Amino acid sequence: MKELISNNQTTPEGLSNQVFQECECIEKIRQTCDALSGAEYFFELAAQYFDMEHMQKRNPKVIVLGTALPPEIFYAFTSENPLWVFGGSRTMTAVSDSDVPRDTDPISRAMLGYLQAAPQMAKTALVIVPLVSDNQRKLAYILKDQGWNVETVHLPPFASIGGDVYDDEMQRLCGVLGMHLNKRVPSFKKAALFMEKVGVAIRRFTSVASARPEHISGSARMLVLNSFYMAQDLSRWLAQLSKLSDELESKPAAPTHSLPKFLLVGSPVYFCCYKIPLLLHDISVDLCAYIDPGLYRFAAPRVGGKNITLSSIAAAQLNYDMSGAFIDNDILLSALKEQIELTKPDGVIWHILRGQNEYDFELIRLEDYITDDLNLPVFRLETDYQYQDVEQMRVRMEAFAELTLHRKISVKEGGP
């Protein structure tokens, strides 16, 4: 980590503090878990993702903004990950600030800033933008105006009636990729089988790590899983995740404790803006689960039958996609039910990133169901990538944690 800092003493104007902020966040996360040798790979991978020297050397052929598209498609063409750009950096939001409208959300600002920090990528890269929100549409227009080679992908407003539309878009996307990479559209069986191995490993790690919160915190678990989108060599990433799971499995599971357990849902929480999970750790709250809109596709086995095609991959993706493009996000509701049944949380934290109104709409739709039918308190937490509101958040979270703890004790003692 110190080497990364020393390598970035001189960086483009406006980014001189970039590496210090990211490394500081990584160190905070490292301190929330045991000295796990298997975790070091993931910490270094995260540091490299935001390392300016590394960014200036990257010349990816395919860049994807956000995590709303099937990774099988890109793996089938290249046997590796594209450059997934999904935000997470405070400094990157400042880089792009003058180029975006005021109401653009921080994730979109950070994605644009990440690309602008490495302009050499515009020479060879095809930038794929799934139109999951108005923010993504703004990015597509801005990048086109700045000379990037942009391809947009349209998502249906209703998952239940969008199968043919989505299938057609995935077929069109593959045609565009084939032309850009000068490759024929490949067979997707190998890619689908590999991603199923990834899903098995993710499900195992999630289960093993969640049972050992004293060895690996919620924020560290989130970083490990987020790093799927930071890795280029997915075979190595898969092997390292299995190694970390083996190491954790050798440690005793946590005994039953009285700490309140919270489920985090809503706007995606991406590294390095981990102030929410880190704050939960500071106030002695167990982040028992986090519903990640990108990684939920790995929540259950997806490969079925011998005839694996692009259409079957697209159909499976649509069945697990909780994209903000959907008017009624029924997949998010299913994931919420599933995680509540699995982890038995004492409360739900609904994270709203300023500018991502689609998640606020879902809270309005689901809040009564969570509080009345599931009998769980909900804490709506609106924030952005800045850290000025951390102490105010601390006071509110501590009050919510105390409320849920008293409620938990009352229920245990036979109260209302």
Protein backbone atom coordinates (compact mmCIF):
# COMPACT_ATOMS: atom_id res chain seq x y z
CA MET A 1 0.00 0.00 0.00
CA LYS A 2 2.83 2.40 0.83
CA GLU A 3 4.35 1.63 -2.56
CA LEU A 4 1.14 2.70 -4.27
CA ILE A 5 1.22 6.00 -2.41
CA SER A 6 4.83 6.70 -3.31
CA ASN A 7 4.16 5.88 -6.96
CA ASN A 8 1.48 8.57 -7.14
CA GLN A 9 3.22 11.61 -5.70
CA THR A 10 2.60 13.37 -9.01
CA THR A 11 -0.77 12.86 -10.63
CA PRO A 12 -3.01 14.89 -12.96
CA GLU A 13 -4.32 18.13 -11.52
CA GLY A 14 -7.32 17.52 -9.26
CA LEU A 15 -6.30 13.92 -8.55
CA SER A 16 -3.25 14.40 -6.31
CA ASN A 17 -5.11 13.12 -3.23
CA GLN A 18 -6.82 10.26 -5.07
CA VAL A 19 -4.55 7.41 -4.03
CA PHE A 20 -4.35 8.64 -0.44
CA GLN A 21 -8.13 8.60 -0.07
CA GLU A 22 -8.51 5.12 -1.53
CA CYS A 23 -5.62 3.64 0.48
CA GLU A 24 -6.95 5.25 3.65
CA CYS A 25 -10.30 3.57 3.05
CA ILE A 26 -8.62 0.20 2.40
CA GLU A 27 -6.66 0.49 5.65
CA LYS A 28 -9.83 1.22 7.60
CA ILE A 29 -11.50 -1.84 6.11
CA ARG A 30 -8.43 -4.00 6.81
CA GLN A 31 -8.62 -3.00 10.46
CA THR A 32 -12.20 -4.31 10.73
CA CYS A 33 -11.17 -7.94 10.21
CA ASP A 34 -8.55 -10.46 11.26
CA ALA A 35 -5.16 -10.63 9.58
CA LEU A 36 -6.47 -12.94 6.87
CA SER A 37 -3.72 -13.77 4.40
CA GLY A 38 -6.32 -14.66 1.78
CA ALA A 39 -7.84 -11.17 1.95
CA GLU A 40 -4.66 -9.34 0.91
CA TYR A 41 -5.20 -10.08 -2.77
CA PHE A 42 -8.57 -8.30 -2.68
CA PHE A 43 -7.21 -5.26 -0.81
CA GLU A 44 -4.41 -4.89 -3.37
CA LEU A 45 -6.83 -5.39 -6.26
CA ALA A 46 -9.00 -2.54 -4.95
CA ALA A 47 -5.96 -0.30 -4.50
CA GLN A 48 -4.77 -1.02 -8.03
CA TYR A 49 -8.19 -0.26 -9.51
CA PHE A 50 -7.85 3.37 -8.37
CA ASP A 51 -4.07 3.62 -8.78
CA MET A 52 -3.38 6.50 -11.18
CA GLU A 53 -0.23 4.94 -12.60
CA HIS A 54 -2.10 1.74 -13.39
CA MET A 55 -5.06 3.67 -14.84
CA GLN A 56 -2.79 5.63 -17.18
CA LYS A 57 -1.47 2.35 -18.63
CA ARG A 58 -4.84 0.73 -19.24
CA ASN A 59 -6.08 0.44 -22.80
CA PRO A 60 -9.15 -1.78 -22.56
CA LYS A 61 -11.05 -2.71 -25.68
CA VAL A 62 -14.41 -2.81 -23.88
CA ILE A 63 -15.65 -0.61 -21.02
CA VAL A 64 -19.02 -1.14 -19.34
CA LEU A 65 -20.61 1.57 -17.20
CA GLY A 66 -22.39 0.06 -14.23
CA THR A 67 -23.05 -3.61 -13.53
CA ALA A 68 -26.42 -4.16 -15.22
CA LEU A 69 -25.34 -6.47 -18.06
CA PRO A 70 -24.56 -10.23 -18.08
CA PRO A 71 -20.83 -10.82 -17.53
CA GLU A 72 -21.14 -14.06 -19.54
CA ILE A 73 -21.40 -12.06 -22.77
CA PHE A 74 -18.07 -10.29 -22.31
CA TYR A 75 -16.31 -13.38 -20.96
CA ALA A 76 -17.45 -15.37 -23.99
CA PHE A 77 -15.77 -12.88 -26.34
CA THR A 78 -12.54 -12.29 -24.39
CA SER A 79 -12.13 -14.94 -21.60
CA GLU A 80 -11.70 -12.06 -19.15
CA ASN A 81 -13.57 -9.15 -17.65
CA PRO A 82 -14.16 -5.90 -19.50
CA LEU A 83 -13.26 -2.74 -17.62
CA TRP A 84 -16.32 -2.33 -15.42
CA VAL A 85 -16.60 1.30 -14.29
CA PHE A 86 -19.07 1.62 -11.45
CA GLY A 87 -18.13 4.67 -9.39
CA GLY A 88 -17.15 4.80 -5.76
CA SER A 89 -14.55 7.56 -5.59
CA ARG A 90 -15.04 10.96 -4.01
CA THR A 91 -12.20 12.49 -6.00
CA MET A 92 -13.57 11.23 -9.30
CA THR A 93 -16.86 13.04 -8.67
CA ALA A 94 -14.91 16.31 -8.41
CA VAL A 95 -13.03 15.64 -11.66
CA SER A 96 -16.25 15.49 -13.67
CA ASP A 97 -18.19 18.10 -11.71
CA SER A 98 -18.03 20.82 -14.38
CA ASP A 99 -19.26 18.46 -17.13
CA VAL A 100 -22.49 17.14 -15.61
CA PRO A 101 -25.84 18.70 -14.62
CA ARG A 102 -26.32 19.50 -10.94
CA ASP A 103 -28.86 16.71 -10.39
CA THR A 104 -26.53 13.93 -11.61
CA ASP A 105 -26.00 11.28 -8.93
CA PRO A 106 -22.52 10.70 -7.41
CA ILE A 107 -22.05 7.25 -8.96
CA SER A 108 -22.54 8.65 -12.46
CA ARG A 109 -20.22 11.57 -11.67
CA ALA A 110 -17.57 9.15 -10.43
CA MET A 111 -17.89 6.93 -13.50
CA LEU A 112 -17.38 9.90 -15.80
CA GLY A 113 -14.48 11.15 -13.68
CA TYR A 114 -12.81 7.73 -13.80
CA LEU A 115 -12.86 7.78 -17.60
CA GLN A 116 -11.71 11.38 -17.82
CA ALA A 117 -8.76 10.59 -15.55
CA ALA A 118 -7.45 8.16 -18.19
CA PRO A 119 -8.28 9.80 -21.55
CA GLN A 120 -5.96 7.47 -23.50
CA MET A 121 -8.65 4.79 -23.18
CA ALA A 122 -10.86 6.70 -25.60
CA LYS A 123 -8.55 5.73 -28.48
CA THR A 124 -9.40 2.02 -28.51
CA ALA A 125 -12.33 1.39 -26.19
CA LEU A 126 -15.97 0.74 -26.92
CA VAL A 127 -17.97 2.19 -24.02
CA ILE A 128 -21.20 0.30 -23.37
CA VAL A 129 -23.85 2.19 -21.41
CA PRO A 130 -26.94 0.29 -20.21
CA LEU A 131 -29.71 2.88 -19.92
CA VAL A 132 -30.93 1.99 -16.44
CA SER A 133 -31.70 5.59 -15.47
CA ASP A 134 -31.72 9.20 -16.66
CA ASN A 135 -28.25 9.53 -15.14
CA GLN A 136 -26.91 6.89 -17.51
CA ARG A 137 -28.51 8.67 -20.46
CA LYS A 138 -26.73 11.87 -19.46
CA LEU A 139 -23.41 10.00 -19.35
CA ALA A 140 -23.96 8.55 -22.80
CA TYR A 141 -24.59 11.99 -24.31
CA ILE A 142 -21.62 13.58 -22.50
CA LEU A 143 -19.20 10.83 -23.54
CA LYS A 144 -20.34 10.96 -27.16
CA ASP A 145 -19.80 14.72 -27.17
CA GLN A 146 -16.30 14.20 -25.78
CA GLY A 147 -15.40 11.81 -28.59
CA TRP A 148 -15.79 8.41 -26.95
CA ASN A 149 -17.10 5.45 -28.94
CA VAL A 150 -20.39 4.83 -27.10
CA GLU A 151 -22.99 2.10 -27.53
CA THR A 152 -26.20 2.30 -25.50
CA VAL A 153 -28.25 -0.71 -24.41
CA HIS A 154 -31.96 -0.26 -23.74
CA LEU A 155 -33.67 -2.13 -20.92
CA PRO A 156 -37.42 -2.83 -20.78
CA PRO A 157 -39.53 -0.91 -18.23
CA PHE A 158 -41.18 -4.14 -17.03
CA ALA A 159 -39.16 -7.34 -16.52
CA SER A 160 -42.30 -9.47 -16.84
CA ILE A 161 -43.05 -8.33 -20.41
CA GLY A 162 -39.56 -7.45 -21.59
CA GLY A 163 -38.13 -10.85 -22.51
CA ASP A 164 -38.20 -10.43 -26.28
CA VAL A 165 -37.06 -6.80 -26.11
CA TYR A 166 -34.15 -7.67 -23.83
CA ASP A 167 -33.20 -10.70 -25.91
CA ASP A 168 -33.12 -8.55 -29.05
CA GLU A 169 -30.90 -6.00 -27.30
CA MET A 170 -28.45 -8.70 -26.16
CA GLN A 171 -28.32 -10.09 -29.72
CA ARG A 172 -27.65 -6.59 -31.07
CA LEU A 173 -24.99 -5.98 -28.39
CA CYS A 174 -23.17 -9.16 -29.42
CA GLY A 175 -23.18 -8.01 -33.02
CA VAL A 176 -21.65 -4.68 -31.99
CA LEU A 177 -19.02 -6.45 -29.85
CA GLY A 178 -18.18 -8.82 -32.68
CA MET A 179 -17.57 -5.94 -35.08
CA HIS A 180 -15.54 -3.96 -32.54
CA LEU A 181 -13.36 -6.92 -31.54
CA ASN A 182 -13.26 -8.36 -35.06
CA LYS A 183 -14.56 -11.70 -33.77
CA ARG A 184 -17.43 -13.96 -34.64
CA VAL A 185 -20.20 -14.31 -32.08
CA PRO A 186 -18.95 -17.19 -29.90
CA SER A 187 -20.61 -20.10 -28.15
CA PHE A 188 -21.78 -19.05 -24.71
CA LYS A 189 -21.72 -22.44 -22.99
CA LYS A 190 -18.16 -22.15 -21.65
CA ALA A 191 -18.80 -18.63 -20.33
CA ALA A 192 -22.06 -19.66 -18.66
CA LEU A 193 -20.43 -22.65 -16.97
CA PHE A 194 -17.55 -20.50 -15.74
CA MET A 195 -19.90 -17.86 -14.30
CA GLU A 196 -21.80 -20.61 -12.54
CA LYS A 197 -18.52 -21.57 -10.84
CA VAL A 198 -18.20 -17.92 -9.84
CA GLY A 199 -21.72 -18.03 -8.43
CA VAL A 200 -20.98 -21.17 -6.41
CA ALA A 201 -17.84 -19.54 -4.97
CA ILE A 202 -19.70 -16.29 -4.15
CA ARG A 203 -22.51 -18.15 -2.41
CA ARG A 204 -20.03 -20.19 -0.40
CA PHE A 205 -17.98 -17.14 0.62
CA THR A 206 -21.12 -15.21 1.60
CA SER A 207 -22.32 -18.07 3.79
CA VAL A 208 -18.96 -18.75 5.44
CA ALA A 209 -18.08 -15.08 5.99
CA SER A 210 -21.53 -14.08 7.30
CA ALA A 211 -21.23 -16.73 10.02
CA ARG A 212 -17.90 -15.25 11.17
CA PRO A 213 -18.44 -11.49 11.59
CA GLU A 214 -15.71 -11.32 14.25
CA HIS A 215 -13.16 -12.47 11.65
CA ILE A 216 -14.33 -10.47 8.61
CA SER A 217 -16.60 -7.43 8.84
CA GLY A 218 -19.50 -6.50 6.61
CA SER A 219 -17.45 -3.80 4.87
CA ALA A 220 -14.63 -6.26 4.13
CA ARG A 221 -17.12 -8.80 2.76
CA MET A 222 -18.55 -6.09 0.50
CA LEU A 223 -15.10 -5.12 -0.79
CA VAL A 224 -14.23 -8.74 -1.56
CA LEU A 225 -17.43 -9.21 -3.56
CA ASN A 226 -17.23 -5.80 -5.29
CA SER A 227 -13.74 -6.75 -6.46
CA PHE A 228 -15.31 -9.13 -8.99
CA TYR A 229 -15.77 -6.01 -11.13
CA MET A 230 -12.18 -4.86 -10.53
CA ALA A 231 -10.46 -8.07 -11.60
CA GLN A 232 -9.21 -8.63 -15.11
CA ASP A 233 -8.13 -12.25 -14.63
CA LEU A 234 -11.29 -13.89 -13.34
CA SER A 235 -9.74 -17.35 -13.04
CA ARG A 236 -7.24 -15.99 -10.54
CA TRP A 237 -9.97 -14.04 -8.75
CA LEU A 238 -12.04 -17.23 -8.44
CA ALA A 239 -9.08 -19.18 -7.04
CA GLN A 240 -8.32 -16.45 -4.50
CA LEU A 241 -11.95 -16.31 -3.36
CA SER A 242 -11.94 -20.07 -2.76
CA LYS A 243 -8.67 -19.72 -0.84
CA LEU A 244 -10.17 -17.01 1.39
CA SER A 245 -13.28 -19.12 2.01
CA ASP A 246 -11.07 -22.07 3.02
CA GLU A 247 -9.19 -19.83 5.45
CA LEU A 248 -12.39 -18.50 6.99
CA GLU A 249 -13.93 -21.95 7.21
CA SER A 250 -11.00 -23.08 9.37
CA LYS A 251 -12.01 -20.50 11.99
CA PRO A 252 -14.84 -21.08 14.48
CA ALA A 253 -18.26 -19.65 13.65
CA ALA A 254 -19.52 -16.81 15.82
CA PRO A 255 -21.62 -17.64 18.87
CA THR A 256 -25.06 -16.09 19.17
CA HIS A 257 -24.74 -12.44 20.18
CA SER A 258 -27.11 -9.67 21.21
CA LEU A 259 -25.89 -7.04 18.75
CA PRO A 260 -28.59 -5.65 16.43
CA LYS A 261 -28.39 -7.04 12.89
CA PHE A 262 -29.17 -4.83 9.91
CA LEU A 263 -29.88 -5.58 6.26
CA LEU A 264 -28.57 -2.91 3.87
CA VAL A 265 -30.56 -2.32 0.68
CA GLY A 266 -31.29 0.45 -1.82
CA SER A 267 -28.72 2.45 -3.81
CA PRO A 268 -25.54 0.43 -4.48
CA VAL A 269 -22.69 1.00 -2.04
CA TYR A 270 -19.44 0.83 -4.01
CA PHE A 271 -15.85 0.97 -2.84
CA CYS A 272 -14.36 3.29 -1.81
CA CYS A 273 -17.34 5.19 -0.38
CA TYR A 274 -17.84 2.71 2.43
CA LYS A 275 -18.78 5.18 5.13
CA ILE A 276 -22.05 3.38 5.86
CA PRO A 277 -20.73 -0.16 6.49
CA LEU A 278 -17.69 1.27 8.31
CA LEU A 279 -19.95 3.38 10.50
CA LEU A 280 -22.09 0.36 11.31
CA HIS A 281 -18.96 -1.44 12.45
CA ASP A 282 -17.93 1.57 14.60
CA ILE A 283 -21.23 1.54 16.50
CA SER A 284 -21.10 -2.26 17.02
CA VAL A 285 -23.84 -3.24 14.59
CA ASP A 286 -23.73 -6.47 12.59
CA LEU A 287 -24.20 -5.81 8.87
CA CYS A 288 -25.66 -9.26 8.35
CA ALA A 289 -26.41 -8.87 4.65
CA TYR A 290 -26.27 -6.44 1.75
CA ILE A 291 -28.42 -6.69 -1.37
CA ASP A 292 -26.08 -5.84 -4.23
CA PRO A 293 -28.01 -5.10 -7.45
CA GLY A 294 -25.07 -6.27 -9.56
CA LEU A 295 -24.07 -9.43 -7.70
CA TYR A 296 -27.60 -10.68 -7.04
CA ARG A 297 -27.41 -12.47 -10.40
CA PHE A 298 -25.15 -14.99 -8.60
CA ALA A 299 -27.64 -15.60 -5.78
CA ALA A 300 -28.89 -18.89 -7.21
CA PRO A 301 -27.78 -21.52 -9.77
CA ARG A 302 -28.52 -20.33 -13.30
CA VAL A 303 -27.16 -22.89 -15.78
CA GLY A 304 -29.96 -25.19 -16.85
CA GLY A 305 -30.07 -27.89 -19.50
CA LYS A 306 -27.52 -28.70 -22.16
CA ASN A 307 -28.52 -26.04 -24.67
CA ILE A 308 -26.97 -22.86 -23.27
CA THR A 309 -27.54 -19.95 -25.65
CA LEU A 310 -27.42 -16.19 -25.56
CA SER A 311 -31.21 -16.20 -25.24
CA SER A 312 -31.10 -18.45 -22.17
CA ILE A 313 -28.44 -16.22 -20.60
CA ALA A 314 -30.55 -13.12 -21.33
CA ALA A 315 -33.65 -14.78 -19.83
CA ALA A 316 -31.73 -15.75 -16.67
CA GLN A 317 -30.32 -12.23 -16.35
CA LEU A 318 -33.79 -10.74 -16.60
CA ASN A 319 -35.04 -13.09 -13.88
CA TYR A 320 -32.47 -11.74 -11.43
CA ASP A 321 -32.04 -8.14 -12.59
CA MET A 322 -33.11 -5.47 -10.12
CA SER A 323 -32.24 -2.62 -12.45
CA GLY A 324 -33.47 0.85 -11.67
CA ALA A 325 -34.95 0.84 -15.18
CA PHE A 326 -37.92 -1.25 -14.04
CA ILE A 327 -41.05 0.60 -13.04
CA ASP A 328 -41.97 -2.08 -10.49
CA ASN A 329 -38.79 -3.65 -9.15
CA ASP A 330 -40.27 -7.02 -8.22
CA ILE A 331 -36.84 -8.69 -8.25
CA LEU A 332 -35.72 -6.33 -5.49
CA LEU A 333 -38.78 -7.35 -3.47
CA SER A 334 -37.95 -11.04 -3.96
CA ALA A 335 -34.35 -10.45 -2.89
CA LEU A 336 -35.56 -8.54 0.17
CA LYS A 337 -37.86 -11.38 1.23
CA GLU A 338 -35.13 -13.93 0.64
CA GLN A 339 -32.48 -12.11 2.68
CA ILE A 340 -34.86 -11.36 5.54
CA GLU A 341 -35.84 -15.03 5.74
CA LEU A 342 -32.20 -16.12 5.53
CA THR A 343 -30.49 -13.66 7.89
CA LYS A 344 -33.33 -12.69 10.30
CA PRO A 345 -32.30 -9.00 10.62
CA ASP A 346 -33.58 -6.73 13.38
CA GLY A 347 -33.98 -3.80 11.00
CA VAL A 348 -33.55 -2.58 7.44
CA ILE A 349 -31.36 0.33 6.36
CA TRP A 350 -32.61 1.72 3.07
CA HIS A 351 -29.78 3.65 1.45
CA ILE A 352 -30.67 6.49 -0.93
CA LEU A 353 -27.82 8.09 -2.84
CA ARG A 354 -28.80 11.64 -3.72
CA GLY A 355 -29.97 11.77 -7.32
CA GLN A 356 -31.05 8.11 -7.48
CA ASN A 357 -34.77 8.72 -7.14
CA GLU A 358 -35.65 5.26 -8.46
CA TYR A 359 -34.65 3.68 -5.13
CA ASP A 360 -36.74 6.22 -3.22
CA PHE A 361 -39.76 5.19 -5.30
CA GLU A 362 -39.14 1.55 -4.35
CA LEU A 363 -38.99 2.43 -0.66
CA ILE A 364 -42.35 4.20 -0.91
CA ARG A 365 -43.76 1.08 -2.55
CA LEU A 366 -42.28 -1.44 -0.09
CA GLU A 367 -42.05 0.37 3.25
CA ASP A 368 -45.53 -0.60 4.46
CA TYR A 369 -44.88 -4.21 3.51
CA ILE A 370 -41.61 -4.28 5.48
CA THR A 371 -43.00 -2.56 8.58
CA ASP A 372 -46.49 -4.10 8.66
CA ASP A 373 -46.20 -7.55 7.08
CA LEU A 374 -42.61 -8.34 8.06
CA ASN A 375 -42.74 -6.36 11.32
CA LEU A 376 -39.32 -4.77 10.83
CA PRO A 377 -38.31 -1.13 11.38
CA VAL A 378 -36.91 0.72 8.35
CA PHE A 379 -34.30 3.47 8.51
CA ARG A 380 -34.18 5.67 5.40
CA LEU A 381 -30.64 6.99 5.00
CA GLU A 382 -30.00 9.61 2.32
CA THR A 383 -26.41 10.62 1.67
CA ASP A 384 -23.77 11.20 -1.01
CA TYR A 385 -20.03 10.59 -1.44
CA GLN A 386 -18.96 13.42 0.87
CA TYR A 387 -17.98 12.76 4.49
CA GLN A 388 -19.28 15.93 6.12
CA ASP A 389 -22.45 14.17 7.26
CA VAL A 390 -20.75 11.21 8.98
CA GLU A 391 -21.20 12.45 12.55
CA GLN A 392 -24.84 13.33 11.91
CA MET A 393 -25.30 9.86 10.45
CA ARG A 394 -23.61 8.35 13.49
CA VAL A 395 -26.11 9.97 15.88
CA ARG A 396 -29.09 8.81 13.81
CA MET A 397 -27.73 5.28 13.34
CA GLU A 398 -26.95 4.91 17.03
CA ALA A 399 -30.51 5.95 17.85
CA PHE A 400 -31.91 3.45 15.34
CA ALA A 401 -29.61 0.70 16.67
CA GLU A 402 -30.70 1.40 20.24
CA LEU A 403 -34.35 1.33 19.18
CA THR A 404 -33.98 -2.03 17.45
CA LEU A 405 -31.97 -3.46 20.37
CA HIS A 406 -34.70 -2.50 22.87
CA ARG A 407 -37.28 -3.91 20.49
CA LYS A 408 -35.31 -7.15 20.19
CA ILE A 409 -35.05 -7.51 23.98
CA SER A 410 -38.75 -6.72 24.39
CA VAL A 411 -39.78 -9.39 21.88
CA LYS A 412 -37.46 -11.92 23.55
CA GLU A 413 -39.04 -11.22 26.92
CA GLY A 414 -42.53 -11.63 25.50
CA GLY A 415 -43.39 -7.97 25.05
CA PRO A 416 -45.43 -6.48 22.16
